[in-house]
């Protein structure tokens, strides 16, 4: 992350940044990223059943999918799915869906022709109070 900050700083310092410094900073960032990816456990893979659940959530984040339905998709119990999802993805299912909805709302906010109330409905928040309760 520090390398990216240095890269941005170099790009914004002068009207004409030093291309050699930029190239070196970029190469250093790419090397550190490659090192990070190599040190990750190559045997750690996401179970296919969790990929099915995540794909379903990604495609249907605007719908309220009950946990029982997600458990059926994964062919496991609700509690096992919740535990495994959190362990593998580092977040709960509900927080994952909230992030997807917030990300979708953020993209819609750039369209000035859409009213905030329409955005709430688009991402399945019936009112602004629901947004704050979900956070």
C-alpha atoms as a PDB file:
ATOM      1  CA  UNK A   1       0.000   0.000   0.000  1.00  0.00           C
ATOM      2  CA  UNK A   2       2.855   2.366   0.829  1.00  0.00           C
ATOM      3  CA  UNK A   3       4.294   1.864  -2.653  1.00  0.00           C
ATOM      4  CA  UNK A   4       0.994   2.881  -4.223  1.00  0.00           C
ATOM      5  CA  UNK A   5       0.940   6.026  -2.100  1.00  0.00           C
ATOM      6  CA  UNK A   6       4.469   6.855  -3.241  1.00  0.00           C
ATOM      7  CA  UNK A   7       3.418   6.235  -6.846  1.00  0.00           C
ATOM      8  CA  UNK A   8       0.423   8.579  -6.513  1.00  0.00           C
ATOM      9  CA  UNK A   9       2.545  11.181  -4.760  1.00  0.00           C
ATOM     10  CA  UNK A  10       5.133  11.104  -7.548  1.00  0.00           C
ATOM     11  CA  UNK A  11       2.422  11.413 -10.192  1.00  0.00           C
ATOM     12  CA  UNK A  12       0.900  14.452  -8.495  1.00  0.00           C
ATOM     13  CA  UNK A  13       4.077  16.311  -7.483  1.00  0.00           C
ATOM     14  CA  UNK A  14       5.047  17.943 -10.745  1.00  0.00           C
ATOM     15  CA  UNK A  15       3.175  18.763 -13.931  1.00  0.00           C
ATOM     16  CA  UNK A  16       5.540  16.351 -15.705  1.00  0.00           C
ATOM     17  CA  UNK A  17       6.407  13.411 -13.410  1.00  0.00           C
ATOM     18  CA  UNK A  18       9.704  11.555 -13.723  1.00  0.00           C
ATOM     19  CA  UNK A  19       8.837   8.476 -15.809  1.00  0.00           C
ATOM     20  CA  UNK A  20      11.840   6.480 -14.587  1.00  0.00           C
ATOM     21  CA  UNK A  21      10.813   6.956 -10.960  1.00  0.00           C
ATOM     22  CA  UNK A  22       7.222   6.045 -11.844  1.00  0.00           C
ATOM     23  CA  UNK A  23       8.386   2.919 -13.642  1.00  0.00           C
ATOM     24  CA  UNK A  24      10.545   1.873 -10.672  1.00  0.00           C
ATOM     25  CA  UNK A  25       7.760   2.466  -8.180  1.00  0.00           C
ATOM     26  CA  UNK A  26       5.324   0.503 -10.329  1.00  0.00           C
ATOM     27  CA  UNK A  27       7.766  -2.386 -10.692  1.00  0.00           C
ATOM     28  CA  UNK A  28       8.348  -2.428  -6.924  1.00  0.00           C
ATOM     29  CA  UNK A  29       4.605  -2.528  -6.335  1.00  0.00           C
ATOM     30  CA  UNK A  30       4.175  -5.369  -8.852  1.00  0.00           C
ATOM     31  CA  UNK A  31       6.993  -7.358  -7.212  1.00  0.00           C
ATOM     32  CA  UNK A  32       5.551  -6.915  -3.730  1.00  0.00           C
ATOM     33  CA  UNK A  33       2.135  -7.996  -5.017  1.00  0.00           C
ATOM     34  CA  UNK A  34       3.653 -11.085  -6.675  1.00  0.00           C
ATOM     35  CA  UNK A  35       5.468 -11.937  -3.435  1.00  0.00           C
ATOM     36  CA  UNK A  36       2.249 -11.594  -1.472  1.00  0.00           C
ATOM     37  CA  UNK A  37       0.378 -13.871  -3.868  1.00  0.00           C
ATOM     38  CA  UNK A  38       3.107 -16.522  -3.689  1.00  0.00           C
ATOM     39  CA  UNK A  39       3.059 -16.591   0.109  1.00  0.00           C
ATOM     40  CA  UNK A  40      -0.652 -17.346   0.228  1.00  0.00           C
ATOM     41  CA  UNK A  41      -1.556 -20.967   0.808  1.00  0.00           C
ATOM     42  CA  UNK A  42      -2.088 -22.458  -2.674  1.00  0.00           C
ATOM     43  CA  UNK A  43      -4.020 -25.370  -1.169  1.00  0.00           C
ATOM     44  CA  UNK A  44      -6.578 -23.090   0.442  1.00  0.00           C
ATOM     45  CA  UNK A  45      -9.463 -23.158  -1.943  1.00  0.00           C
ATOM     46  CA  UNK A  46     -13.073 -22.155  -1.609  1.00  0.00           C
ATOM     47  CA  UNK A  47     -15.453 -25.121  -1.455  1.00  0.00           C
ATOM     48  CA  UNK A  48     -17.681 -25.289  -4.557  1.00  0.00           C
ATOM     49  CA  UNK A  49     -20.815 -25.181  -2.390  1.00  0.00           C
ATOM     50  CA  UNK A  50     -19.730 -21.809  -0.973  1.00  0.00           C
ATOM     51  CA  UNK A  51     -18.982 -20.523  -4.451  1.00  0.00           C
ATOM     52  CA  UNK A  52     -22.555 -21.404  -5.412  1.00  0.00           C
ATOM     53  CA  UNK A  53     -23.892 -19.447  -2.436  1.00  0.00           C
ATOM     54  CA  UNK A  54     -21.647 -16.451  -3.128  1.00  0.00           C
ATOM     55  CA  UNK A  55     -22.623 -16.474  -6.812  1.00  0.00           C
ATOM     56  CA  UNK A  56     -26.294 -16.601  -5.825  1.00  0.00           C
ATOM     57  CA  UNK A  57     -25.813 -13.659  -3.450  1.00  0.00           C
ATOM     58  CA  UNK A  58     -23.925 -11.686  -6.110  1.00  0.00           C
ATOM     59  CA  UNK A  59     -26.674 -12.213  -8.673  1.00  0.00           C
ATOM     60  CA  UNK A  60     -29.596 -11.734  -6.278  1.00  0.00           C
ATOM     61  CA  UNK A  61     -28.381  -9.164  -3.748  1.00  0.00           C
ATOM     62  CA  UNK A  62     -31.456  -7.040  -4.426  1.00  0.00           C
ATOM     63  CA  UNK A  63     -33.691  -9.852  -3.171  1.00  0.00           C
ATOM     64  CA  UNK A  64     -34.126 -11.048   0.390  1.00  0.00           C
ATOM     65  CA  UNK A  65     -32.891 -14.647   0.183  1.00  0.00           C
ATOM     66  CA  UNK A  66     -33.697 -16.608   3.366  1.00  0.00           C
ATOM     67  CA  UNK A  67     -30.824 -18.422   5.056  1.00  0.00           C
ATOM     68  CA  UNK A  68     -32.731 -21.708   4.645  1.00  0.00           C
ATOM     69  CA  UNK A  69     -32.643 -21.255   0.857  1.00  0.00           C
ATOM     70  CA  UNK A  70     -28.914 -20.534   0.920  1.00  0.00           C
ATOM     71  CA  UNK A  71     -28.356 -23.628   3.072  1.00  0.00           C
ATOM     72  CA  UNK A  72     -30.220 -25.701   0.475  1.00  0.00           C
ATOM     73  CA  UNK A  73     -28.032 -24.285  -2.291  1.00  0.00           C
ATOM     74  CA  UNK A  74     -24.927 -25.240  -0.286  1.00  0.00           C
ATOM     75  CA  UNK A  75     -26.389 -28.603   0.780  1.00  0.00           C
ATOM     76  CA  UNK A  76     -25.521 -27.979   4.423  1.00  0.00           C
ATOM     77  CA  UNK A  77     -27.145 -26.791   7.620  1.00  0.00           C
ATOM     78  CA  UNK A  78     -27.760 -23.123   8.274  1.00  0.00           C
ATOM     79  CA  UNK A  79     -25.272 -22.990  11.118  1.00  0.00           C
ATOM     80  CA  UNK A  80     -22.562 -24.826   9.190  1.00  0.00           C
ATOM     81  CA  UNK A  81     -23.060 -22.536   6.187  1.00  0.00           C
ATOM     82  CA  UNK A  82     -22.894 -19.418   8.364  1.00  0.00           C
ATOM     83  CA  UNK A  83     -19.742 -20.608  10.124  1.00  0.00           C
ATOM     84  CA  UNK A  84     -17.977 -21.747   6.945  1.00  0.00           C
ATOM     85  CA  UNK A  85     -18.931 -18.623   4.965  1.00  0.00           C
ATOM     86  CA  UNK A  86     -17.508 -16.400   7.704  1.00  0.00           C
ATOM     87  CA  UNK A  87     -14.349 -18.508   7.982  1.00  0.00           C
ATOM     88  CA  UNK A  88     -13.649 -18.574   4.231  1.00  0.00           C
ATOM     89  CA  UNK A  89     -14.765 -15.072   3.197  1.00  0.00           C
ATOM     90  CA  UNK A  90     -13.981 -13.244   6.429  1.00  0.00           C
ATOM     91  CA  UNK A  91     -17.465 -11.789   6.837  1.00  0.00           C
ATOM     92  CA  UNK A  92     -20.958 -12.895   7.734  1.00  0.00           C
ATOM     93  CA  UNK A  93     -23.522 -13.551   5.026  1.00  0.00           C
ATOM     94  CA  UNK A  94     -25.611 -10.566   6.078  1.00  0.00           C
ATOM     95  CA  UNK A  95     -22.631  -8.189   6.045  1.00  0.00           C
ATOM     96  CA  UNK A  96     -21.632  -9.535   2.625  1.00  0.00           C
ATOM     97  CA  UNK A  97     -25.093  -8.732   1.266  1.00  0.00           C
ATOM     98  CA  UNK A  98     -25.076  -5.303   2.932  1.00  0.00           C
ATOM     99  CA  UNK A  99     -21.751  -4.493   1.257  1.00  0.00           C
ATOM    100  CA  UNK A 100     -23.109  -5.605  -2.118  1.00  0.00           C
ATOM    101  CA  UNK A 101     -26.189  -3.415  -1.653  1.00  0.00           C
ATOM    102  CA  UNK A 102     -24.159  -0.432  -0.519  1.00  0.00           C
ATOM    103  CA  UNK A 103     -21.820  -0.863  -3.473  1.00  0.00           C
ATOM    104  CA  UNK A 104     -24.816  -0.995  -5.811  1.00  0.00           C
ATOM    105  CA  UNK A 105     -26.291   2.112  -4.187  1.00  0.00           C
ATOM    106  CA  UNK A 106     -22.965   3.913  -4.489  1.00  0.00           C
ATOM    107  CA  UNK A 107     -22.867   3.230  -8.235  1.00  0.00           C
ATOM    108  CA  UNK A 108     -26.439   4.470  -8.625  1.00  0.00           C
ATOM    109  CA  UNK A 109     -25.670   7.693  -6.754  1.00  0.00           C
ATOM    110  CA  UNK A 110     -23.490   8.804  -9.671  1.00  0.00           C
ATOM    111  CA  UNK A 111     -26.599   8.894 -11.862  1.00  0.00           C
ATOM    112  CA  UNK A 112     -28.096  12.261 -10.967  1.00  0.00           C
ATOM    113  CA  UNK A 113     -31.366  11.404 -12.696  1.00  0.00           C
ATOM    114  CA  UNK A 114     -32.191   8.792 -10.042  1.00  0.00           C
ATOM    115  CA  UNK A 115     -33.760   9.970  -6.793  1.00  0.00           C
ATOM    116  CA  UNK A 116     -32.479   8.636  -3.454  1.00  0.00           C
ATOM    117  CA  UNK A 117     -35.847   6.983  -2.785  1.00  0.00           C
ATOM    118  CA  UNK A 118     -35.558   5.067  -6.037  1.00  0.00           C
ATOM    119  CA  UNK A 119     -32.054   3.948  -5.089  1.00  0.00           C
ATOM    120  CA  UNK A 120     -33.345   2.670  -1.734  1.00  0.00           C
ATOM    121  CA  UNK A 121     -35.942   0.557  -3.517  1.00  0.00           C
ATOM    122  CA  UNK A 122     -33.437  -0.623  -6.122  1.00  0.00           C
ATOM    123  CA  UNK A 123     -31.099  -2.035  -3.472  1.00  0.00           C
ATOM    124  CA  UNK A 124     -33.938  -3.342  -1.247  1.00  0.00           C
ATOM    125  CA  UNK A 125     -33.972  -0.823   1.557  1.00  0.00           C
ATOM    126  CA  UNK A 126     -37.609   0.166   2.102  1.00  0.00           C
ATOM    127  CA  UNK A 127     -36.544   3.345   3.939  1.00  0.00           C
ATOM    128  CA  UNK A 128     -33.416   5.087   5.182  1.00  0.00           C
ATOM    129  CA  UNK A 129     -33.994   3.772   8.737  1.00  0.00           C
ATOM    130  CA  UNK A 130     -33.433   0.241   7.412  1.00  0.00           C
ATOM    131  CA  UNK A 131     -30.023   1.279   6.083  1.00  0.00           C
ATOM    132  CA  UNK A 132     -28.877   2.428   9.510  1.00  0.00           C
ATOM    133  CA  UNK A 133     -30.311  -0.655  11.227  1.00  0.00           C
ATOM    134  CA  UNK A 134     -28.404  -2.872   8.779  1.00  0.00           C
ATOM    135  CA  UNK A 135     -25.032  -1.272   9.443  1.00  0.00           C
END
